[in-house]
C-alpha atoms as a PDB file:
ATOM      1  CA  MET A   1     122.771 -27.144 170.560  1.00  0.00           C
ATOM      2  CA  HIS A   2     122.189 -23.919 168.661  1.00  0.00           C
ATOM      3  CA  GLN A   3     118.814 -23.087 167.289  1.00  0.00           C
ATOM      4  CA  TYR A   4     118.727 -21.121 164.092  1.00  0.00           C
ATOM      5  CA  ARG A   5     115.868 -18.750 163.571  1.00  0.00           C
ATOM      6  CA  ARG A   6     114.663 -18.336 160.058  1.00  0.00           C
ATOM      7  CA  ARG A   7     113.489 -14.866 159.260  1.00  0.00           C
ATOM      8  CA  PRO A   8     110.645 -14.657 156.807  1.00  0.00           C
ATOM      9  CA  ILE A   9     112.075 -13.081 153.675  1.00  0.00           C
ATOM     10  CA  PHE A  10     108.874 -13.036 151.638  1.00  0.00           C
ATOM     11  CA  PRO A  11     107.102 -10.297 153.718  1.00  0.00           C
ATOM     12  CA  ALA A  12     110.234  -8.149 153.495  1.00  0.00           C
ATOM     13  CA  LEU A  13     110.320  -8.488 149.702  1.00  0.00           C
ATOM     14  CA  VAL A  14     106.629  -7.634 149.408  1.00  0.00           C
ATOM     15  CA  LEU A  15     107.095  -4.556 151.580  1.00  0.00           C
ATOM     16  CA  ALA A  16     110.093  -3.402 149.526  1.00  0.00           C
ATOM     17  CA  GLY A  17     108.105  -3.846 146.313  1.00  0.00           C
ATOM     18  CA  VAL A  18     105.154  -1.867 147.634  1.00  0.00           C
ATOM     19  CA  LEU A  19     107.379   0.984 148.784  1.00  0.00           C
ATOM     20  CA  ALA A  20     109.337   1.107 145.514  1.00  0.00           C
ATOM     21  CA  ALA A  21     106.287   0.987 143.207  1.00  0.00           C
ATOM     22  CA  PRO A  22     105.345   4.705 143.420  1.00  0.00           C
ATOM     23  CA  ALA A  23     108.911   5.905 142.704  1.00  0.00           C
ATOM     24  CA  PRO A  24     108.632   5.825 138.856  1.00  0.00           C
ATOM     25  CA  LEU A  25     105.292   7.612 139.061  1.00  0.00           C
ATOM     26  CA  LEU A  26     106.785  10.429 141.127  1.00  0.00           C
ATOM     27  CA  LEU A  27     109.730  10.789 138.773  1.00  0.00           C
ATOM     28  CA  ALA A  28     107.460  10.879 135.722  1.00  0.00           C
ATOM     29  CA  GLN A  29     105.511  13.927 136.946  1.00  0.00           C
ATOM     30  CA  THR A  30     107.103  16.933 135.255  1.00  0.00           C
ATOM     31  CA  PRO A  31     105.581  20.300 134.394  1.00  0.00           C
ATOM     32  CA  GLN A  32     103.843  20.492 131.038  1.00  0.00           C
ATOM     33  CA  THR A  33     105.734  23.609 130.002  1.00  0.00           C
ATOM     34  CA  PRO A  34     108.961  24.848 131.530  1.00  0.00           C
ATOM     35  CA  PRO A  35     108.835  28.311 133.104  1.00  0.00           C
ATOM     36  CA  ASP A  36     110.166  30.977 130.789  1.00  0.00           C
ATOM     37  CA  ASN A  37     110.617  34.472 132.139  1.00  0.00           C
ATOM     38  CA  THR A  38     113.162  35.548 129.534  1.00  0.00           C
ATOM     39  CA  LYS A  39     110.991  38.437 128.314  1.00  0.00           C
ATOM     40  CA  VAL A  40     110.506  39.744 131.848  1.00  0.00           C
ATOM     41  CA  ASN A  41     114.228  39.610 132.571  1.00  0.00           C
ATOM     42  CA  THR A  42     115.207  41.666 129.523  1.00  0.00           C
ATOM     43  CA  ARG A  43     114.864  44.854 131.576  1.00  0.00           C
ATOM     44  CA  ASP A  44     117.657  43.586 133.860  1.00  0.00           C
ATOM     45  CA  ARG A  45     120.125  43.440 130.977  1.00  0.00           C
ATOM     46  CA  ALA A  46     120.516  47.203 130.720  1.00  0.00           C
ATOM     47  CA  LYS A  47     123.817  48.475 132.092  1.00  0.00           C
ATOM     48  CA  ASP A  48     122.150  50.836 134.567  1.00  0.00           C
ATOM     49  CA  ALA A  49     119.546  48.284 135.740  1.00  0.00           C
ATOM     50  CA  VAL A  50     119.617  47.436 139.434  1.00  0.00           C
ATOM     51  CA  THR A  51     119.762  43.685 140.007  1.00  0.00           C
ATOM     52  CA  ALA A  52     119.701  41.534 143.131  1.00  0.00           C
ATOM     53  CA  ASP A  53     123.398  40.721 142.862  1.00  0.00           C
ATOM     54  CA  GLN A  54     124.132  44.412 143.415  1.00  0.00           C
ATOM     55  CA  GLN A  55     122.650  44.257 146.926  1.00  0.00           C
ATOM     56  CA  LYS A  56     125.173  45.809 149.279  1.00  0.00           C
ATOM     57  CA  GLU A  57     126.597  43.629 152.024  1.00  0.00           C
ATOM     58  CA  ASN A  58     126.954  46.391 154.582  1.00  0.00           C
ATOM     59  CA  ALA A  59     124.937  45.978 157.776  1.00  0.00           C
ATOM     60  CA  GLY A  60     122.692  49.004 157.158  1.00  0.00           C
ATOM     61  CA  ASP A  61     121.504  47.874 153.723  1.00  0.00           C
ATOM     62  CA  ARG A  62     121.030  44.272 154.836  1.00  0.00           C
ATOM     63  CA  GLU A  63     118.984  45.422 157.827  1.00  0.00           C
ATOM     64  CA  LEU A  64     116.910  47.738 155.624  1.00  0.00           C
ATOM     65  CA  THR A  65     116.122  44.895 153.216  1.00  0.00           C
ATOM     66  CA  GLN A  66     115.264  42.565 156.102  1.00  0.00           C
ATOM     67  CA  LYS A  67     112.874  45.070 157.661  1.00  0.00           C
ATOM     68  CA  ILE A  68     111.057  45.629 154.367  1.00  0.00           C
ATOM     69  CA  ARG A  69     110.832  41.886 153.695  1.00  0.00           C
ATOM     70  CA  ARG A  70     109.495  41.317 157.228  1.00  0.00           C
ATOM     71  CA  ALA A  71     106.838  44.018 156.730  1.00  0.00           C
ATOM     72  CA  LEU A  72     105.736  42.411 153.459  1.00  0.00           C
ATOM     73  CA  MET A  73     105.624  38.894 154.898  1.00  0.00           C
ATOM     74  CA  GLN A  74     103.563  39.989 157.908  1.00  0.00           C
ATOM     75  CA  ASP A  75     100.819  41.318 155.633  1.00  0.00           C
ATOM     76  CA  LYS A  76      98.819  38.179 154.877  1.00  0.00           C
ATOM     77  CA  THR A  77      96.514  40.076 152.496  1.00  0.00           C
ATOM     78  CA  LEU A  78      99.327  40.325 149.931  1.00  0.00           C
ATOM     79  CA  SER A  79      99.727  37.668 147.244  1.00  0.00           C
ATOM     80  CA  SER A  80     102.734  35.380 147.058  1.00  0.00           C
ATOM     81  CA  TYR A  81     103.910  37.536 144.160  1.00  0.00           C
ATOM     82  CA  ALA A  82     104.062  40.581 146.457  1.00  0.00           C
ATOM     83  CA  HIS A  83     105.741  38.541 149.196  1.00  0.00           C
ATOM     84  CA  ASN A  84     108.475  37.649 146.687  1.00  0.00           C
ATOM     85  CA  VAL A  85     109.198  41.088 145.234  1.00  0.00           C
ATOM     86  CA  LYS A  86     112.916  41.731 144.764  1.00  0.00           C
ATOM     87  CA  ILE A  87     114.234  44.269 147.252  1.00  0.00           C
ATOM     88  CA  VAL A  88     117.640  45.731 146.432  1.00  0.00           C
ATOM     89  CA  SER A  89     119.214  48.184 148.874  1.00  0.00           C
ATOM     90  CA  GLN A  90     122.214  50.281 147.882  1.00  0.00           C
ATOM     91  CA  ASP A  91     123.475  52.921 150.278  1.00  0.00           C
ATOM     92  CA  GLY A  92     120.026  53.449 151.802  1.00  0.00           C
ATOM     93  CA  GLN A  93     118.251  53.629 148.429  1.00  0.00           C
ATOM     94  CA  VAL A  94     115.761  50.813 147.816  1.00  0.00           C
ATOM     95  CA  THR A  95     114.642  49.413 144.457  1.00  0.00           C
ATOM     96  CA  LEU A  96     111.558  47.184 144.276  1.00  0.00           C
ATOM     97  CA  LYS A  97     111.268  44.874 141.267  1.00  0.00           C
ATOM     98  CA  GLY A  98     109.064  42.035 140.142  1.00  0.00           C
ATOM     99  CA  PRO A  99     105.423  41.290 139.464  1.00  0.00           C
ATOM    100  CA  VAL A 100     102.480  41.856 141.798  1.00  0.00           C
ATOM    101  CA  ARG A 101      98.814  41.029 141.240  1.00  0.00           C
ATOM    102  CA  SER A 102      97.243  44.506 141.138  1.00  0.00           C
ATOM    103  CA  GLU A 103      97.886  48.237 141.178  1.00  0.00           C
ATOM    104  CA  GLU A 104      96.593  48.314 144.760  1.00  0.00           C
ATOM    105  CA  GLU A 105      99.107  45.666 145.789  1.00  0.00           C
ATOM    106  CA  LYS A 106     101.863  47.586 144.018  1.00  0.00           C
ATOM    107  CA  LYS A 107     100.986  50.708 146.027  1.00  0.00           C
ATOM    108  CA  THR A 108     100.803  48.726 149.280  1.00  0.00           C
ATOM    109  CA  VAL A 109     104.263  47.207 148.774  1.00  0.00           C
ATOM    110  CA  GLU A 110     105.732  50.598 147.907  1.00  0.00           C
ATOM    111  CA  ALA A 111     104.084  52.188 150.973  1.00  0.00           C
ATOM    112  CA  LYS A 112     105.494  49.519 153.288  1.00  0.00           C
ATOM    113  CA  ALA A 113     108.982  49.994 151.822  1.00  0.00           C
ATOM    114  CA  THR A 114     108.671  53.781 152.160  1.00  0.00           C
ATOM    115  CA  ASP A 115     107.588  53.420 155.797  1.00  0.00           C
ATOM    116  CA  VAL A 116     110.812  51.553 156.507  1.00  0.00           C
ATOM    117  CA  ALA A 117     113.302  53.333 154.218  1.00  0.00           C
ATOM    118  CA  GLY A 118     111.875  56.845 154.286  1.00  0.00           C
ATOM    119  CA  ALA A 119     110.289  59.166 151.748  1.00  0.00           C
ATOM    120  CA  GLY A 120     112.227  59.592 148.520  1.00  0.00           C
ATOM    121  CA  LYS A 121     114.357  56.504 149.133  1.00  0.00           C
ATOM    122  CA  VAL A 122     112.245  53.934 147.218  1.00  0.00           C
ATOM    123  CA  THR A 123     112.254  53.317 143.470  1.00  0.00           C
ATOM    124  CA  ASN A 124     109.251  51.303 142.301  1.00  0.00           C
ATOM    125  CA  GLN A 125     110.011  49.132 139.268  1.00  0.00           C
ATOM    126  CA  MET A 126     107.283  46.559 139.969  1.00  0.00           C
ATOM    127  CA  SER A 127     104.843  45.444 137.299  1.00  0.00           C
ATOM    128  CA  VAL A 128     101.307  44.107 137.488  1.00  0.00           C
ATOM    129  CA  ALA A 129     101.065  40.485 136.347  1.00  0.00           C
ATOM    130  CA  PRO A 130      97.718  39.162 135.142  1.00  0.00           C
ATOM    131  CA  ALA A 131      96.215  36.317 137.119  1.00  0.00           C
ATOM    132  CA  LYS A 132      96.849  32.854 135.716  1.00  0.00           C
ATOM    133  CA  GLY A 133      94.097  31.806 133.368  1.00  0.00           C
ATOM    134  CA  ALA A 134      93.038  35.397 132.691  1.00  0.00           C
ATOM    135  CA  ALA A 135      91.844  36.001 129.168  1.00  0.00           C
ATOM    136  CA  LYS A 136      94.489  37.629 126.989  1.00  0.00           C
ATOM    137  CA  LYS A 137      93.385  40.485 124.766  1.00  0.00           C
END
């Protein structure tokens, strides 16, 4: 004679309910204000503006960009803004764009790029962004 085993369904339902309960709460958490960097990006609309999509795909320019990015990432004293500066290499010429936290950081990023690319090969188009929560004048 066969014996049928009954599996307890109630504990499985309770577990499923407990696991599913936080899902609506996670979905409901959205930023208060969407990020808007439209004003910052207006400088990239000029016809002669260097943008990231103009990065050359030749091995030399890719390697140059990688070396600069590596140098920036290894410096843990730099802010995340400096770590995320746009680096655009075109035929050995490097353009740095984006915000950093201070003039000192701006100079440090430019110096690291110059060490890699060489003197006279770096164009600094970075800007200094105020810290979040800083009083506006």
